[in-house]
Each structure stands twice: as C-alpha cells, then as structure tokens.
C-alpha cells in the first residue's frame, strides 16, 4: 500500500502560479510512476502529468505543456507540480497518483481555483 498526501492548492487569478506537492509513504519502493490528474465539476478525471521513478521520463497533457512542470525527489518520496500561467479552465480538484506493483493509489485531492 502507498499513501499519498497533497498540499498547495488554493485560489489564484488567471496568469498566476501555484505549486502542488505530494508526499508518498508506505511501500514507496514499489512505486513505478507518480503524477497528477485533475477533475473539474461535471467532467471526468483527466491526466495532467507523470514522471517515471527509475528513469525520470516525463509526460504532460497537451493542455498543460509549456505551463506546468513536474519534478520529483525520490529520497523524500515527493512529487511537485509547478503550475504557471494558470487559466480558468485549469480549475479542478487535483489528485496525486502513484502506480506501483501493488496497484494504483490516489491522494485525497486538493482544490485549485483560477479566477478570470
């Protein structure tokens, strides 16, 4: 089992920045990848970004490329999502995600609201 705790959400004006953090605990050695998804009201949960633990390969959704940056600190079992130039359409609950040999795990989510 892997436990995930997010922090860093909030309210920001369009064009502003926020930094989300996710700390993993438990069987973190079994983690293959960590990343972020988001879910806006009335919409399905969607992929935002992920980073592979072993080789550091990074993938982004097209909608956030050039604006969001994901990074990791394996020693601290932490993954960070730096979000710049935020847009109202980025408003959503952001969930940390971990893929491991034990399954898929989710954090409780953190709200990001971008006002126009």
Protein backbone atom coordinates (compact mmCIF):
# COMPACT_ATOMS: atom_id res chain seq x y z
CA UNK A 1 0.00 0.00 0.00
CA UNK A 2 1.05 3.56 -0.77
CA UNK A 3 -0.44 6.58 0.96
CA UNK A 4 -0.44 9.97 -0.78
CA UNK A 5 -0.98 13.40 0.77
CA UNK A 6 -1.31 16.51 -1.40
CA UNK A 7 -0.88 20.13 -0.45
CA UNK A 8 -0.61 23.51 -2.10
CA UNK A 9 -3.96 24.15 -3.75
CA UNK A 10 -5.81 27.44 -3.48
CA UNK A 11 -7.32 30.39 -5.28
CA UNK A 12 -5.33 32.38 -7.80
CA UNK A 13 -6.03 34.87 -10.55
CA UNK A 14 -5.56 33.96 -14.19
CA UNK A 15 -1.90 34.22 -15.14
CA UNK A 16 -0.79 33.37 -11.62
CA UNK A 17 1.11 30.38 -10.28
CA UNK A 18 0.60 27.60 -7.75
CA UNK A 19 2.80 24.77 -6.56
CA UNK A 20 1.32 21.41 -5.60
CA UNK A 21 3.24 18.85 -3.56
CA UNK A 22 2.54 15.18 -2.95
CA UNK A 23 4.29 13.12 -0.31
CA UNK A 24 4.16 9.35 -0.54
CA UNK A 25 4.51 6.93 2.35
CA UNK A 26 4.20 3.19 2.82
CA UNK A 27 5.62 0.79 0.21
CA UNK A 28 7.15 3.59 -1.85
CA UNK A 29 9.92 1.31 -3.14
CA UNK A 30 7.29 -0.44 -5.26
CA UNK A 31 6.29 2.81 -7.00
CA UNK A 32 6.89 2.88 -10.76
CA UNK A 33 5.49 6.31 -11.54
CA UNK A 34 3.94 9.28 -9.76
CA UNK A 35 1.90 12.05 -11.25
CA UNK A 36 -1.16 14.25 -11.24
CA UNK A 37 -4.70 14.03 -12.54
CA UNK A 38 -7.50 16.56 -12.22
CA UNK A 39 -11.27 16.57 -12.22
CA UNK A 40 -13.37 19.62 -12.98
CA UNK A 41 -17.06 19.82 -11.95
CA UNK A 42 -19.20 17.71 -14.23
CA UNK A 43 -16.22 16.27 -16.07
CA UNK A 44 -14.26 13.05 -15.93
CA UNK A 45 -10.91 12.82 -14.21
CA UNK A 46 -8.12 13.58 -16.70
CA UNK A 47 -4.39 13.07 -16.88
CA UNK A 48 -2.14 16.08 -16.23
CA UNK A 49 1.45 14.89 -15.87
CA UNK A 50 3.50 11.91 -14.75
CA UNK A 51 7.14 11.09 -14.06
CA UNK A 52 8.71 7.65 -14.09
CA UNK A 53 10.58 6.90 -10.89
CA UNK A 54 13.54 4.99 -12.31
CA UNK A 55 14.44 6.91 -15.47
CA UNK A 56 12.76 10.24 -14.85
CA UNK A 57 10.81 10.21 -18.10
CA UNK A 58 8.11 12.87 -18.05
CA UNK A 59 4.79 13.09 -19.86
CA UNK A 60 2.36 16.02 -19.97
CA UNK A 61 -1.14 16.51 -21.21
CA UNK A 62 -1.18 18.80 -24.25
CA UNK A 63 -3.33 21.29 -22.37
CA UNK A 64 -0.59 21.99 -19.80
CA UNK A 65 2.61 21.68 -21.86
CA UNK A 66 4.81 24.74 -21.51
CA UNK A 67 2.93 25.92 -18.40
CA UNK A 68 3.23 23.07 -15.87
CA UNK A 69 6.40 21.37 -14.69
CA UNK A 70 6.54 18.11 -12.76
CA UNK A 71 9.55 17.14 -10.68
CA UNK A 72 10.44 14.50 -8.12
CA UNK A 73 12.66 13.89 -5.14
CA UNK A 74 12.96 10.14 -4.72
CA UNK A 75 14.84 10.48 -1.44
CA UNK A 76 11.88 12.40 0.03
CA UNK A 77 9.24 10.40 -1.86
CA UNK A 78 7.83 13.69 -3.11
CA UNK A 79 6.50 14.84 -6.45
CA UNK A 80 5.86 18.51 -7.19
CA UNK A 81 3.71 20.15 -9.84
CA UNK A 82 4.66 23.74 -10.59
CA UNK A 83 1.78 25.45 -12.39
CA UNK A 84 2.43 28.75 -14.14
CA UNK A 85 0.27 30.97 -16.32
CA UNK A 86 -2.84 29.40 -14.88
CA UNK A 87 -6.11 29.68 -16.78
CA UNK A 88 -9.72 29.49 -15.55
CA UNK A 89 -10.04 26.15 -17.34
CA UNK A 90 -7.37 24.75 -15.02
CA UNK A 91 -9.88 24.97 -12.17
CA UNK A 92 -10.33 21.48 -10.77
CA UNK A 93 -9.58 19.15 -7.91
CA UNK A 94 -6.05 17.89 -8.44
CA UNK A 95 -5.22 14.34 -7.39
CA UNK A 96 -1.82 12.82 -6.82
CA UNK A 97 -1.46 9.38 -8.37
CA UNK A 98 1.01 6.56 -7.83
CA UNK A 99 1.43 3.50 -9.99
CA UNK A 100 3.13 0.60 -8.26
CA UNK A 101 3.48 -3.16 -8.39
CA UNK A 102 0.76 -3.23 -5.68
CA UNK A 103 -1.74 -1.26 -7.73
CA UNK A 104 -2.87 2.30 -8.33
CA UNK A 105 -3.20 4.75 -5.46
CA UNK A 106 -4.76 8.21 -5.12
CA UNK A 107 -4.48 11.12 -2.76
CA UNK A 108 -7.50 12.88 -1.29
CA UNK A 109 -7.27 15.76 -3.76
CA UNK A 110 -6.58 19.47 -3.45
CA UNK A 111 -8.73 22.23 -4.94
CA UNK A 112 -7.25 24.65 -7.46
CA UNK A 113 -9.45 27.59 -8.45
CA UNK A 114 -8.39 30.10 -11.08
CA UNK A 115 -10.44 33.26 -11.33
CA UNK A 116 -10.70 35.28 -14.54
